Amino acid sequence: MNDCIVIIPTYNEIENIESIIRAVFSLPKLFHVLIVDDNSPDKTAEKVIELQKEFPERLFLSLRKKKSGLGTAYVHGFEWALQQSYEYIFEMDADFSHNPNDLERLYECCSKGGADLAIGSRYVTGVNVVNWPLSRVLLSYFASVYVRMITGMKIMDATAGFICYHREVLERIELNKIKFIGYAFQIEMKYRAFAKNFNIQEVPVIFTDRTKGQSKMSGAIIKEAIFGVISLRFRKFLNQL
């Protein structure tokens, strides 16, 4: 069985979905793909079903009834992947903000470099972001500074969503206890891994803002992240992570 699966959550990604799937499948390394779709009105799932006829052993779809948040979509995908015995489980966006070519670098970091969790990092070698307005860059960059100050983690890109996990990480961090569903979800996943002393490494990548479709960022998501970090630190202090 193939050892790698890329989980891509979708909501109204019809403009990107076929291209991102084909890009992953064009890589020299063999990856499987699981699309977790939240019943997109634009028929993203129908396009995936159509592509499954071409890639029956590599492309999988899990269709949820409604839009329920990024965090719950990933947890759903993680649980599915763990049941299928994959060793390396990836998070990646559908909009090409994460370059599929970097999947192999994240895989190498875990499979040969000793990492339990490899982060595709925008900030480990400076600021590697393309097409974002300055306000968004500053928000993202200083969010990671804030996370480092509160949590003690040395991660330069704590909010990154381009990740390779070794399955043991996902088995041990108790997915049923994940609290956050938006921006803070990415922080919580890293912090739970950090709290259990997993080896976390950052791989420099270039992040390019989407050119098709709409961003899912909102004020509520940012608020969740700001207060969620304090909550995480407090829960660790109480040994509740």
C-alpha atoms as a PDB file:
ATOM      1  CA  MET A   1       0.000   0.000   0.000  1.00  0.00           C
ATOM      2  CA  ASN A   2       1.160   3.576  -0.648  1.00  0.00           C
ATOM      3  CA  ASP A   3       2.438   5.258   2.534  1.00  0.00           C
ATOM      4  CA  CYS A   4       1.355   8.881   1.856  1.00  0.00           C
ATOM      5  CA  ILE A   5      -1.982  10.626   1.629  1.00  0.00           C
ATOM      6  CA  VAL A   6      -2.702  14.315   1.105  1.00  0.00           C
ATOM      7  CA  ILE A   7      -5.858  15.624   2.752  1.00  0.00           C
ATOM      8  CA  ILE A   8      -7.430  18.608   0.986  1.00  0.00           C
ATOM      9  CA  PRO A   9     -10.542  20.163   2.546  1.00  0.00           C
ATOM     10  CA  THR A  10     -12.795  21.969   0.078  1.00  0.00           C
ATOM     11  CA  TYR A  11     -15.695  24.364  -0.012  1.00  0.00           C
ATOM     12  CA  ASN A  12     -16.468  25.957  -3.376  1.00  0.00           C
ATOM     13  CA  GLU A  13     -13.137  25.082  -5.002  1.00  0.00           C
ATOM     14  CA  ILE A  14     -14.444  24.104  -8.436  1.00  0.00           C
ATOM     15  CA  GLU A  15     -11.966  26.486 -10.080  1.00  0.00           C
ATOM     16  CA  ASN A  16      -8.970  24.768  -8.500  1.00  0.00           C
ATOM     17  CA  ILE A  17      -9.876  21.184  -7.667  1.00  0.00           C
ATOM     18  CA  GLU A  18      -9.008  19.385 -10.891  1.00  0.00           C
ATOM     19  CA  SER A  19      -5.736  21.246 -11.332  1.00  0.00           C
ATOM     20  CA  ILE A  20      -4.548  20.611  -7.768  1.00  0.00           C
ATOM     21  CA  ILE A  21      -5.384  16.904  -7.963  1.00  0.00           C
ATOM     22  CA  ARG A  22      -3.555  16.485 -11.257  1.00  0.00           C
ATOM     23  CA  ALA A  23      -0.571  18.429  -9.906  1.00  0.00           C
ATOM     24  CA  VAL A  24      -0.233  16.059  -6.942  1.00  0.00           C
ATOM     25  CA  PHE A  25      -0.583  12.990  -9.126  1.00  0.00           C
ATOM     26  CA  SER A  26       2.063  14.267 -11.560  1.00  0.00           C
ATOM     27  CA  LEU A  27       4.797  14.118  -8.896  1.00  0.00           C
ATOM     28  CA  PRO A  28       7.471  11.396  -9.107  1.00  0.00           C
ATOM     29  CA  LYS A  29       6.608  10.283  -5.561  1.00  0.00           C
ATOM     30  CA  LEU A  30       3.323   8.390  -5.336  1.00  0.00           C
ATOM     31  CA  PHE A  31       0.726  10.203  -3.238  1.00  0.00           C
ATOM     32  CA  HIS A  32      -2.915   9.409  -2.625  1.00  0.00           C
ATOM     33  CA  VAL A  33      -5.415  12.256  -2.174  1.00  0.00           C
ATOM     34  CA  LEU A  34      -8.465  12.515   0.080  1.00  0.00           C
ATOM     35  CA  ILE A  35     -10.839  15.380  -0.639  1.00  0.00           C
ATOM     36  CA  VAL A  36     -13.036  16.326   2.329  1.00  0.00           C
ATOM     37  CA  ASP A  37     -15.808  18.410   0.805  1.00  0.00           C
ATOM     38  CA  ASP A  38     -18.407  20.300   2.836  1.00  0.00           C
ATOM     39  CA  ASN A  39     -21.229  19.884   0.315  1.00  0.00           C
ATOM     40  CA  SER A  40     -19.978  22.715  -1.914  1.00  0.00           C
ATOM     41  CA  PRO A  41     -22.800  24.425  -3.831  1.00  0.00           C
ATOM     42  CA  ASP A  42     -20.469  24.892  -6.815  1.00  0.00           C
ATOM     43  CA  LYS A  43     -20.324  21.090  -7.301  1.00  0.00           C
ATOM     44  CA  THR A  44     -16.705  20.567  -6.313  1.00  0.00           C
ATOM     45  CA  ALA A  45     -17.576  17.049  -5.166  1.00  0.00           C
ATOM     46  CA  GLU A  46     -19.122  16.174  -8.532  1.00  0.00           C
ATOM     47  CA  LYS A  47     -15.851  17.054 -10.240  1.00  0.00           C
ATOM     48  CA  VAL A  48     -13.947  14.837  -7.789  1.00  0.00           C
ATOM     49  CA  ILE A  49     -16.318  11.942  -8.491  1.00  0.00           C
ATOM     50  CA  GLU A  50     -15.693  12.429 -12.195  1.00  0.00           C
ATOM     51  CA  LEU A  51     -11.915  12.333 -11.644  1.00  0.00           C
ATOM     52  CA  GLN A  52     -12.183   9.185  -9.523  1.00  0.00           C
ATOM     53  CA  LYS A  53     -12.982   7.306 -12.715  1.00  0.00           C
ATOM     54  CA  GLU A  54      -9.538   8.268 -13.998  1.00  0.00           C
ATOM     55  CA  PHE A  55      -7.749   7.705 -10.668  1.00  0.00           C
ATOM     56  CA  PRO A  56      -9.771   4.952  -8.955  1.00  0.00           C
ATOM     57  CA  GLU A  57      -7.004   3.705  -6.661  1.00  0.00           C
ATOM     58  CA  ARG A  58      -5.509   7.073  -5.714  1.00  0.00           C
ATOM     59  CA  LEU A  59      -8.328   9.602  -5.313  1.00  0.00           C
ATOM     60  CA  PHE A  60     -10.844   9.442  -2.471  1.00  0.00           C
ATOM     61  CA  LEU A  61     -13.772  11.628  -1.467  1.00  0.00           C
ATOM     62  CA  SER A  62     -15.481  12.126   1.863  1.00  0.00           C
ATOM     63  CA  LEU A  63     -18.578  14.290   1.522  1.00  0.00           C
ATOM     64  CA  ARG A  64     -19.918  16.063   4.593  1.00  0.00           C
ATOM     65  CA  LYS A  65     -23.416  17.486   4.892  1.00  0.00           C
ATOM     66  CA  LYS A  66     -22.522  21.128   5.524  1.00  0.00           C
ATOM     67  CA  LYS A  67     -19.712  23.620   6.051  1.00  0.00           C
ATOM     68  CA  SER A  68     -18.406  22.887   9.552  1.00  0.00           C
ATOM     69  CA  GLY A  69     -14.972  24.509   9.748  1.00  0.00           C
ATOM     70  CA  LEU A  70     -11.466  23.734   8.612  1.00  0.00           C
ATOM     71  CA  GLY A  71     -10.456  22.024  11.828  1.00  0.00           C
ATOM     72  CA  THR A  72     -13.297  19.531  11.832  1.00  0.00           C
ATOM     73  CA  ALA A  73     -12.654  18.773   8.148  1.00  0.00           C
ATOM     74  CA  TYR A  74      -9.033  17.925   8.857  1.00  0.00           C
ATOM     75  CA  VAL A  75      -9.852  15.851  11.923  1.00  0.00           C
ATOM     76  CA  HIS A  76     -12.378  13.949   9.815  1.00  0.00           C
ATOM     77  CA  GLY A  77      -9.688  13.348   7.206  1.00  0.00           C
ATOM     78  CA  PHE A  78      -7.066  12.357   9.772  1.00  0.00           C
ATOM     79  CA  GLU A  79      -9.367   9.751  11.289  1.00  0.00           C
ATOM     80  CA  TRP A  80     -10.124   8.359   7.822  1.00  0.00           C
ATOM     81  CA  ALA A  81      -6.421   8.179   6.956  1.00  0.00           C
ATOM     82  CA  LEU A  82      -5.470   6.478  10.216  1.00  0.00           C
ATOM     83  CA  GLN A  83      -8.044   3.782   9.546  1.00  0.00           C
ATOM     84  CA  GLN A  84      -6.358   3.155   6.191  1.00  0.00           C
ATOM     85  CA  SER A  85      -2.881   2.721   7.729  1.00  0.00           C
ATOM     86  CA  TYR A  86      -1.021   5.522   5.948  1.00  0.00           C
ATOM     87  CA  GLU A  87       2.324   6.371   7.561  1.00  0.00           C
ATOM     88  CA  TYR A  88       2.576   9.995   6.395  1.00  0.00           C
ATOM     89  CA  ILE A  89      -0.485  12.216   6.367  1.00  0.00           C
ATOM     90  CA  PHE A  90      -0.434  15.680   4.816  1.00  0.00           C
ATOM     91  CA  GLU A  91      -2.479  18.871   5.068  1.00  0.00           C
ATOM     92  CA  MET A  92      -2.667  21.051   1.978  1.00  0.00           C
ATOM     93  CA  ASP A  93      -4.952  23.778   0.624  1.00  0.00           C
ATOM     94  CA  ALA A  94      -6.768  23.371  -2.674  1.00  0.00           C
ATOM     95  CA  ASP A  95      -5.954  26.836  -4.012  1.00  0.00           C
ATOM     96  CA  PHE A  96      -2.240  26.429  -4.920  1.00  0.00           C
ATOM     97  CA  SER A  97      -1.109  28.673  -2.084  1.00  0.00           C
ATOM     98  CA  HIS A  98       0.850  25.543  -1.170  1.00  0.00           C
ATOM     99  CA  ASN A  99       3.017  24.324  -4.035  1.00  0.00           C
ATOM    100  CA  PRO A 100       2.395  20.590  -4.614  1.00  0.00           C
ATOM    101  CA  ASN A 101       6.054  20.201  -5.580  1.00  0.00           C
ATOM    102  CA  ASP A 102       6.967  20.832  -1.936  1.00  0.00           C
ATOM    103  CA  LEU A 103       5.101  17.714  -0.788  1.00  0.00           C
ATOM    104  CA  GLU A 104       8.168  15.625  -1.562  1.00  0.00           C
ATOM    105  CA  ARG A 105      10.377  17.921   0.536  1.00  0.00           C
ATOM    106  CA  LEU A 106       8.050  17.605   3.519  1.00  0.00           C
ATOM    107  CA  TYR A 107       7.993  13.841   3.039  1.00  0.00           C
ATOM    108  CA  GLU A 108      11.807  13.690   2.973  1.00  0.00           C
ATOM    109  CA  CYS A 109      11.980  15.748   6.158  1.00  0.00           C
ATOM    110  CA  CYS A 110       9.899  13.134   7.971  1.00  0.00           C
ATOM    111  CA  SER A 111      10.938   9.915   6.246  1.00  0.00           C
ATOM    112  CA  LYS A 112      14.699  10.638   6.171  1.00  0.00           C
ATOM    113  CA  GLY A 113      15.239  13.770   8.262  1.00  0.00           C
ATOM    114  CA  GLY A 114      13.855  12.471  11.529  1.00  0.00           C
ATOM    115  CA  ALA A 115      10.920  14.853  11.886  1.00  0.00           C
ATOM    116  CA  ASP A 116       7.662  13.654  13.369  1.00  0.00           C
ATOM    117  CA  LEU A 117       5.930  16.756  12.026  1.00  0.00           C
ATOM    118  CA  ALA A 118       7.270  18.787   9.085  1.00  0.00           C
ATOM    119  CA  ILE A 119       5.928  22.297   8.500  1.00  0.00           C
ATOM    120  CA  GLY A 120       5.989  24.063   5.146  1.00  0.00           C
ATOM    121  CA  SER A 121       7.156  27.346   6.648  1.00  0.00           C
ATOM    122  CA  ARG A 122       6.710  30.830   5.203  1.00  0.00           C
ATOM    123  CA  TYR A 123       8.929  32.494   7.790  1.00  0.00           C
ATOM    124  CA  VAL A 124      11.807  30.199   8.746  1.00  0.00           C
ATOM    125  CA  THR A 125      14.131  31.910   6.220  1.00  0.00           C
ATOM    126  CA  GLY A 126      12.583  35.372   6.174  1.00  0.00           C
ATOM    127  CA  VAL A 127       9.185  36.263   4.718  1.00  0.00           C
ATOM    128  CA  ASN A 128       8.370  34.063   1.718  1.00  0.00           C
ATOM    129  CA  VAL A 129       4.878  35.211   0.751  1.00  0.00           C
ATOM    130  CA  VAL A 130       3.700  36.231  -2.722  1.00  0.00           C
ATOM    131  CA  ASN A 131       0.638  38.350  -3.634  1.00  0.00           C
ATOM    132  CA  TRP A 132      -0.524  39.065  -0.090  1.00  0.00           C
ATOM    133  CA  PRO A 133      -1.277  42.662   0.927  1.00  0.00           C
ATOM    134  CA  LEU A 134       1.127  43.971   3.549  1.00  0.00           C
ATOM    135  CA  SER A 135      -1.620  43.988   6.187  1.00  0.00           C
ATOM    136  CA  ARG A 136      -2.173  40.247   5.728  1.00  0.00           C
ATOM    137  CA  VAL A 137       1.563  39.508   5.829  1.00  0.00           C
ATOM    138  CA  LEU A 138       1.947  41.462   9.056  1.00  0.00           C
ATOM    139  CA  LEU A 139      -1.092  39.769  10.614  1.00  0.00           C
ATOM    140  CA  SER A 140       0.252  36.309   9.806  1.00  0.00           C
ATOM    141  CA  TYR A 141       3.859  37.022  10.768  1.00  0.00           C
ATOM    142  CA  PHE A 142       3.086  38.656  14.083  1.00  0.00           C
ATOM    143  CA  ALA A 143       0.515  35.977  14.880  1.00  0.00           C
ATOM    144  CA  SER A 144       3.423  33.529  14.929  1.00  0.00           C
ATOM    145  CA  VAL A 145       5.479  35.902  17.071  1.00  0.00           C
ATOM    146  CA  TYR A 146       2.553  36.094  19.487  1.00  0.00           C
ATOM    147  CA  VAL A 147       2.222  32.296  19.559  1.00  0.00           C
ATOM    148  CA  ARG A 148       5.930  31.878  20.347  1.00  0.00           C
ATOM    149  CA  MET A 149       5.686  34.377  23.193  1.00  0.00           C
ATOM    150  CA  ILE A 150       2.660  32.726  24.801  1.00  0.00           C
ATOM    151  CA  THR A 151       3.452  29.040  24.234  1.00  0.00           C
ATOM    152  CA  GLY A 152       7.235  28.837  24.284  1.00  0.00           C
ATOM    153  CA  MET A 153       7.313  26.988  20.967  1.00  0.00           C
ATOM    154  CA  LYS A 154      10.232  27.950  18.703  1.00  0.00           C
ATOM    155  CA  ILE A 155       8.183  27.494  15.531  1.00  0.00           C
ATOM    156  CA  MET A 156       8.525  30.431  13.135  1.00  0.00           C
ATOM    157  CA  ASP A 157       5.260  29.706  11.272  1.00  0.00           C
ATOM    158  CA  ALA A 158       2.817  28.491  13.896  1.00  0.00           C
ATOM    159  CA  THR A 159      -0.252  29.169  11.745  1.00  0.00           C
ATOM    160  CA  ALA A 160       1.016  27.259   8.696  1.00  0.00           C
ATOM    161  CA  GLY A 161      -1.418  24.826   7.107  1.00  0.00           C
ATOM    162  CA  PHE A 162       1.018  22.891   4.892  1.00  0.00           C
ATOM    163  CA  ILE A 163       2.054  19.955   7.055  1.00  0.00           C
ATOM    164  CA  CYS A 164       3.332  16.382   6.996  1.00  0.00           C
ATOM    165  CA  TYR A 165       2.514  14.301  10.062  1.00  0.00           C
ATOM    166  CA  HIS A 166       3.894  10.915  10.923  1.00  0.00           C
ATOM    167  CA  ARG A 167       0.888   8.832  11.882  1.00  0.00           C
ATOM    168  CA  GLU A 168       2.130   8.407  15.465  1.00  0.00           C
ATOM    169  CA  VAL A 169       1.624  12.134  16.066  1.00  0.00           C
ATOM    170  CA  LEU A 170      -2.029  11.944  15.062  1.00  0.00           C
ATOM    171  CA  GLU A 171      -2.526   8.759  17.063  1.00  0.00           C
ATOM    172  CA  ARG A 172      -1.189  10.304  20.271  1.00  0.00           C
ATOM    173  CA  ILE A 173      -2.581  13.849  20.318  1.00  0.00           C
ATOM    174  CA  GLU A 174      -6.175  12.700  20.880  1.00  0.00           C
ATOM    175  CA  LEU A 175      -8.014  14.116  17.905  1.00  0.00           C
ATOM    176  CA  ASN A 176     -11.337  13.891  19.717  1.00  0.00           C
ATOM    177  CA  LYS A 177     -10.116  16.621  22.078  1.00  0.00           C
ATOM    178  CA  ILE A 178      -9.223  19.159  19.383  1.00  0.00           C
ATOM    179  CA  LYS A 179     -11.182  22.264  20.305  1.00  0.00           C
ATOM    180  CA  PHE A 180     -10.634  24.852  17.588  1.00  0.00           C
ATOM    181  CA  ILE A 181     -12.049  24.824  14.080  1.00  0.00           C
ATOM    182  CA  GLY A 182     -10.600  27.907  12.370  1.00  0.00           C
ATOM    183  CA  TYR A 183      -7.240  29.686  12.306  1.00  0.00           C
ATOM    184  CA  ALA A 184      -6.416  28.442  15.826  1.00  0.00           C
ATOM    185  CA  PHE A 185      -6.735  24.812  14.726  1.00  0.00           C
ATOM    186  CA  GLN A 186      -3.296  24.920  13.098  1.00  0.00           C
ATOM    187  CA  ILE A 187      -1.773  26.347  16.269  1.00  0.00           C
ATOM    188  CA  GLU A 188      -3.479  23.777  18.477  1.00  0.00           C
ATOM    189  CA  MET A 189      -2.228  20.855  16.391  1.00  0.00           C
ATOM    190  CA  LYS A 190       1.368  22.055  16.621  1.00  0.00           C
ATOM    191  CA  TYR A 191       1.090  22.853  20.303  1.00  0.00           C
ATOM    192  CA  ARG A 192      -0.300  19.432  21.146  1.00  0.00           C
ATOM    193  CA  ALA A 193       2.591  17.822  19.247  1.00  0.00           C
ATOM    194  CA  PHE A 194       5.039  20.135  21.026  1.00  0.00           C
ATOM    195  CA  ALA A 195       3.538  19.253  24.429  1.00  0.00           C
ATOM    196  CA  LYS A 196       4.199  15.570  23.721  1.00  0.00           C
ATOM    197  CA  ASN A 197       7.813  16.261  22.727  1.00  0.00           C
ATOM    198  CA  PHE A 198       7.533  15.293  19.087  1.00  0.00           C
ATOM    199  CA  ASN A 199      10.323  16.407  16.760  1.00  0.00           C
ATOM    200  CA  ILE A 200       8.938  19.403  14.824  1.00  0.00           C
ATOM    201  CA  GLN A 201      10.945  20.770  11.899  1.00  0.00           C
ATOM    202  CA  GLU A 202      10.291  23.596   9.447  1.00  0.00           C
ATOM    203  CA  VAL A 203      10.944  23.372   5.715  1.00  0.00           C
ATOM    204  CA  PRO A 204      11.131  26.719   3.890  1.00  0.00           C
ATOM    205  CA  VAL A 205       8.463  27.154   1.222  1.00  0.00           C
ATOM    206  CA  ILE A 206       7.096  30.035  -0.841  1.00  0.00           C
ATOM    207  CA  PHE A 207       3.446  30.758  -0.135  1.00  0.00           C
ATOM    208  CA  THR A 208       1.490  32.221  -3.059  1.00  0.00           C
ATOM    209  CA  ASP A 209      -1.955  33.681  -2.442  1.00  0.00           C
ATOM    210  CA  ARG A 210      -4.825  32.140  -4.357  1.00  0.00           C
ATOM    211  CA  THR A 211      -5.608  33.492  -7.818  1.00  0.00           C
ATOM    212  CA  LYS A 212      -8.948  31.686  -8.151  1.00  0.00           C
ATOM    213  CA  GLY A 213     -11.829  31.342  -5.705  1.00  0.00           C
ATOM    214  CA  GLN A 214     -12.396  33.206  -2.444  1.00  0.00           C
ATOM    215  CA  SER A 215     -10.443  33.250   0.803  1.00  0.00           C
ATOM    216  CA  LYS A 216     -12.177  31.741   3.855  1.00  0.00           C
ATOM    217  CA  MET A 217     -10.512  34.171   6.330  1.00  0.00           C
ATOM    218  CA  SER A 218     -12.833  36.123   8.645  1.00  0.00           C
ATOM    219  CA  GLY A 219     -12.769  38.258  11.766  1.00  0.00           C
ATOM    220  CA  ALA A 220     -14.216  35.418  13.856  1.00  0.00           C
ATOM    221  CA  ILE A 221     -11.378  33.126  12.794  1.00  0.00           C
ATOM    222  CA  ILE A 222      -8.775  35.705  13.840  1.00  0.00           C
ATOM    223  CA  LYS A 223     -10.498  36.259  17.192  1.00  0.00           C
ATOM    224  CA  GLU A 224     -10.524  32.517  17.845  1.00  0.00           C
ATOM    225  CA  ALA A 225      -6.765  32.388  17.260  1.00  0.00           C
ATOM    226  CA  ILE A 226      -5.942  35.333  19.551  1.00  0.00           C
ATOM    227  CA  PHE A 227      -7.841  34.023  22.549  1.00  0.00           C
ATOM    228  CA  GLY A 228      -7.304  30.376  21.686  1.00  0.00           C
ATOM    229  CA  VAL A 229      -3.547  30.579  22.207  1.00  0.00           C
ATOM    230  CA  ILE A 230      -4.005  31.791  25.775  1.00  0.00           C
ATOM    231  CA  SER A 231      -6.504  28.996  26.351  1.00  0.00           C
ATOM    232  CA  LEU A 232      -4.047  26.404  25.053  1.00  0.00           C
ATOM    233  CA  ARG A 233      -1.281  27.620  27.353  1.00  0.00           C
ATOM    234  CA  PHE A 234      -3.620  27.572  30.347  1.00  0.00           C
ATOM    235  CA  ARG A 235      -4.849  24.073  29.533  1.00  0.00           C
ATOM    236  CA  LYS A 236      -1.267  22.807  29.275  1.00  0.00           C
ATOM    237  CA  PHE A 237      -0.540  24.354  32.672  1.00  0.00           C
ATOM    238  CA  LEU A 238      -3.500  22.379  34.049  1.00  0.00           C
ATOM    239  CA  ASN A 239      -2.290  19.237  32.222  1.00  0.00           C
ATOM    240  CA  GLN A 240      -5.490  19.134  30.177  1.00  0.00           C
ATOM    241  CA  LEU A 241      -3.993  18.825  26.694  1.00  0.00           C
END
